[in-house]
Amino acid sequence: MFPSASFARGYEPVQVRTRSGGEHAGMLRSETPEAVILGTVDGGETRIPRSEIASLEPGAVSPMPQGYDALLSQQELSDLVAFLRAAR
C-alpha cells in the first residue's frame, strides 16, 4: 500500500549521480572496485564505472508503484494478500 514507507533488505533503492550530471536510480545489484551495477525498474541492469560516479546515496522512493489501494477493491486487496501469503 505504501511502498516507500520501508524497504525489504536487498531491495533498497539507490541514487547515483555521475560526474557529467547524469542521474540513475535503481536497486544496488553488485559492486566491484571498477563499477556499480544497478537493477532497473524494467528488469534490466545499468553498469556505472566508479570513475564516473560523483555520488551514490540511498534513495527515498521505491520503484514499486503506489496507488494500488485506489485501483483495487477491498476484496481484491484481500485476495492479493492471501495469494502472496500462500506463495511463501
C-alpha atoms as a PDB file:
ATOM      1  CA  MET A   1       0.000   0.000   0.000  1.00  0.00           C
ATOM      2  CA  PHE A   2       2.830   2.422   0.885  1.00  0.00           C
ATOM      3  CA  PRO A   3       5.926   1.069  -0.892  1.00  0.00           C
ATOM      4  CA  SER A   4       8.223   3.948   0.095  1.00  0.00           C
ATOM      5  CA  ALA A   5       7.455   3.614   3.830  1.00  0.00           C
ATOM      6  CA  SER A   6      10.092   0.895   4.270  1.00  0.00           C
ATOM      7  CA  PHE A   7      12.287  -1.287   2.093  1.00  0.00           C
ATOM      8  CA  ALA A   8      12.941  -5.013   2.262  1.00  0.00           C
ATOM      9  CA  ARG A   9      16.617  -5.870   2.730  1.00  0.00           C
ATOM     10  CA  GLY A  10      18.233  -6.238  -0.659  1.00  0.00           C
ATOM     11  CA  TYR A  11      15.637  -4.045  -2.359  1.00  0.00           C
ATOM     12  CA  GLU A  12      16.729  -0.658  -1.062  1.00  0.00           C
ATOM     13  CA  PRO A  13      16.745   1.969  -3.806  1.00  0.00           C
ATOM     14  CA  VAL A  14      19.902   3.976  -4.513  1.00  0.00           C
ATOM     15  CA  GLN A  15      20.519   7.220  -6.373  1.00  0.00           C
ATOM     16  CA  VAL A  16      23.720   7.602  -8.410  1.00  0.00           C
ATOM     17  CA  ARG A  17      24.835  10.967  -9.728  1.00  0.00           C
ATOM     18  CA  THR A  18      27.592  10.937 -12.328  1.00  0.00           C
ATOM     19  CA  ARG A  19      30.352  13.489 -12.825  1.00  0.00           C
ATOM     20  CA  SER A  20      28.706  14.523 -16.109  1.00  0.00           C
ATOM     21  CA  GLY A  21      25.464  15.348 -14.278  1.00  0.00           C
ATOM     22  CA  GLY A  22      23.537  12.194 -15.141  1.00  0.00           C
ATOM     23  CA  GLU A  23      21.292  10.525 -12.581  1.00  0.00           C
ATOM     24  CA  HIS A  24      20.495   6.842 -12.228  1.00  0.00           C
ATOM     25  CA  ALA A  25      18.061   5.214  -9.829  1.00  0.00           C
ATOM     26  CA  GLY A  26      17.654   1.535  -9.072  1.00  0.00           C
ATOM     27  CA  MET A  27      18.483  -1.238  -6.667  1.00  0.00           C
ATOM     28  CA  LEU A  28      22.127  -1.993  -5.961  1.00  0.00           C
ATOM     29  CA  ARG A  29      22.784  -5.410  -7.510  1.00  0.00           C
ATOM     30  CA  SER A  30      26.543  -5.562  -7.089  1.00  0.00           C
ATOM     31  CA  GLU A  31      29.661  -3.511  -6.534  1.00  0.00           C
ATOM     32  CA  THR A  32      33.180  -4.095  -7.740  1.00  0.00           C
ATOM     33  CA  PRO A  33      36.268  -1.904  -7.487  1.00  0.00           C
ATOM     34  CA  GLU A  34      35.588  -0.921 -11.117  1.00  0.00           C
ATOM     35  CA  ALA A  35      31.818  -0.402 -11.258  1.00  0.00           C
ATOM     36  CA  VAL A  36      28.416  -0.321  -9.591  1.00  0.00           C
ATOM     37  CA  ILE A  37      25.595  -2.380 -11.103  1.00  0.00           C
ATOM     38  CA  LEU A  38      22.030  -1.147 -10.594  1.00  0.00           C
ATOM     39  CA  GLY A  39      18.899  -3.198 -11.208  1.00  0.00           C
ATOM     40  CA  THR A  40      16.386  -1.098 -13.117  1.00  0.00           C
ATOM     41  CA  VAL A  41      12.588  -0.995 -12.951  1.00  0.00           C
ATOM     42  CA  ASP A  42      12.273  -2.727 -16.335  1.00  0.00           C
ATOM     43  CA  GLY A  43      14.261  -5.719 -15.044  1.00  0.00           C
ATOM     44  CA  GLY A  44      17.497  -4.712 -16.743  1.00  0.00           C
ATOM     45  CA  GLU A  45      20.798  -3.625 -15.302  1.00  0.00           C
ATOM     46  CA  THR A  46      22.864  -0.482 -15.600  1.00  0.00           C
ATOM     47  CA  ARG A  47      26.641  -0.621 -15.145  1.00  0.00           C
ATOM     48  CA  ILE A  48      28.222   2.623 -13.970  1.00  0.00           C
ATOM     49  CA  PRO A  49      32.018   2.833 -13.857  1.00  0.00           C
ATOM     50  CA  ARG A  50      33.287   4.076 -10.487  1.00  0.00           C
ATOM     51  CA  SER A  51      35.415   6.676 -12.258  1.00  0.00           C
ATOM     52  CA  GLU A  52      32.172   8.330 -13.453  1.00  0.00           C
ATOM     53  CA  ILE A  53      30.370   8.342 -10.066  1.00  0.00           C
ATOM     54  CA  ALA A  54      30.148  11.677  -8.261  1.00  0.00           C
ATOM     55  CA  SER A  55      27.822  10.398  -5.515  1.00  0.00           C
ATOM     56  CA  LEU A  56      25.978   7.254  -4.503  1.00  0.00           C
ATOM     57  CA  GLU A  57      23.257   7.720  -1.885  1.00  0.00           C
ATOM     58  CA  PRO A  58      20.276   5.793  -0.541  1.00  0.00           C
ATOM     59  CA  GLY A  59      17.084   6.513  -2.450  1.00  0.00           C
ATOM     60  CA  ALA A  60      13.871   7.587  -0.776  1.00  0.00           C
ATOM     61  CA  VAL A  61      11.334   6.390  -3.350  1.00  0.00           C
ATOM     62  CA  SER A  62      10.510   2.757  -4.000  1.00  0.00           C
ATOM     63  CA  PRO A  63      10.386   1.519  -7.591  1.00  0.00           C
ATOM     64  CA  MET A  64       7.124  -0.205  -6.639  1.00  0.00           C
ATOM     65  CA  PRO A  65       4.161   1.818  -7.905  1.00  0.00           C
ATOM     66  CA  GLN A  66       1.866   3.489  -5.415  1.00  0.00           C
ATOM     67  CA  GLY A  67      -1.902   3.710  -5.531  1.00  0.00           C
ATOM     68  CA  TYR A  68      -2.998   0.085  -5.505  1.00  0.00           C
ATOM     69  CA  ASP A  69      -5.380   0.931  -2.671  1.00  0.00           C
ATOM     70  CA  ALA A  70      -7.244   3.163  -5.160  1.00  0.00           C
ATOM     71  CA  LEU A  71      -7.008   0.719  -8.089  1.00  0.00           C
ATOM     72  CA  LEU A  72      -8.110  -2.444  -6.283  1.00  0.00           C
ATOM     73  CA  SER A  73     -11.261  -3.086  -4.292  1.00  0.00           C
ATOM     74  CA  GLN A  74     -11.052  -4.201  -0.664  1.00  0.00           C
ATOM     75  CA  GLN A  75     -11.819  -7.766  -1.783  1.00  0.00           C
ATOM     76  CA  GLU A  76      -9.128  -7.676  -4.478  1.00  0.00           C
ATOM     77  CA  LEU A  77      -6.572  -6.447  -1.931  1.00  0.00           C
ATOM     78  CA  SER A  78      -7.590  -9.229   0.469  1.00  0.00           C
ATOM     79  CA  ASP A  79      -7.275 -11.796  -2.319  1.00  0.00           C
ATOM     80  CA  LEU A  80      -3.839 -10.459  -3.265  1.00  0.00           C
ATOM     81  CA  VAL A  81      -2.574 -10.669   0.324  1.00  0.00           C
ATOM     82  CA  ALA A  82      -3.933 -14.220   0.656  1.00  0.00           C
ATOM     83  CA  PHE A  83      -2.224 -15.216  -2.608  1.00  0.00           C
ATOM     84  CA  LEU A  84       1.116 -13.736  -1.513  1.00  0.00           C
ATOM     85  CA  ARG A  85       0.941 -15.458   1.858  1.00  0.00           C
ATOM     86  CA  ALA A  86       0.213 -18.800   0.202  1.00  0.00           C
ATOM     87  CA  ALA A  87       3.107 -18.321  -2.234  1.00  0.00           C
ATOM     88  CA  ARG A  88       5.774 -18.191   0.512  1.00  0.00           C
END
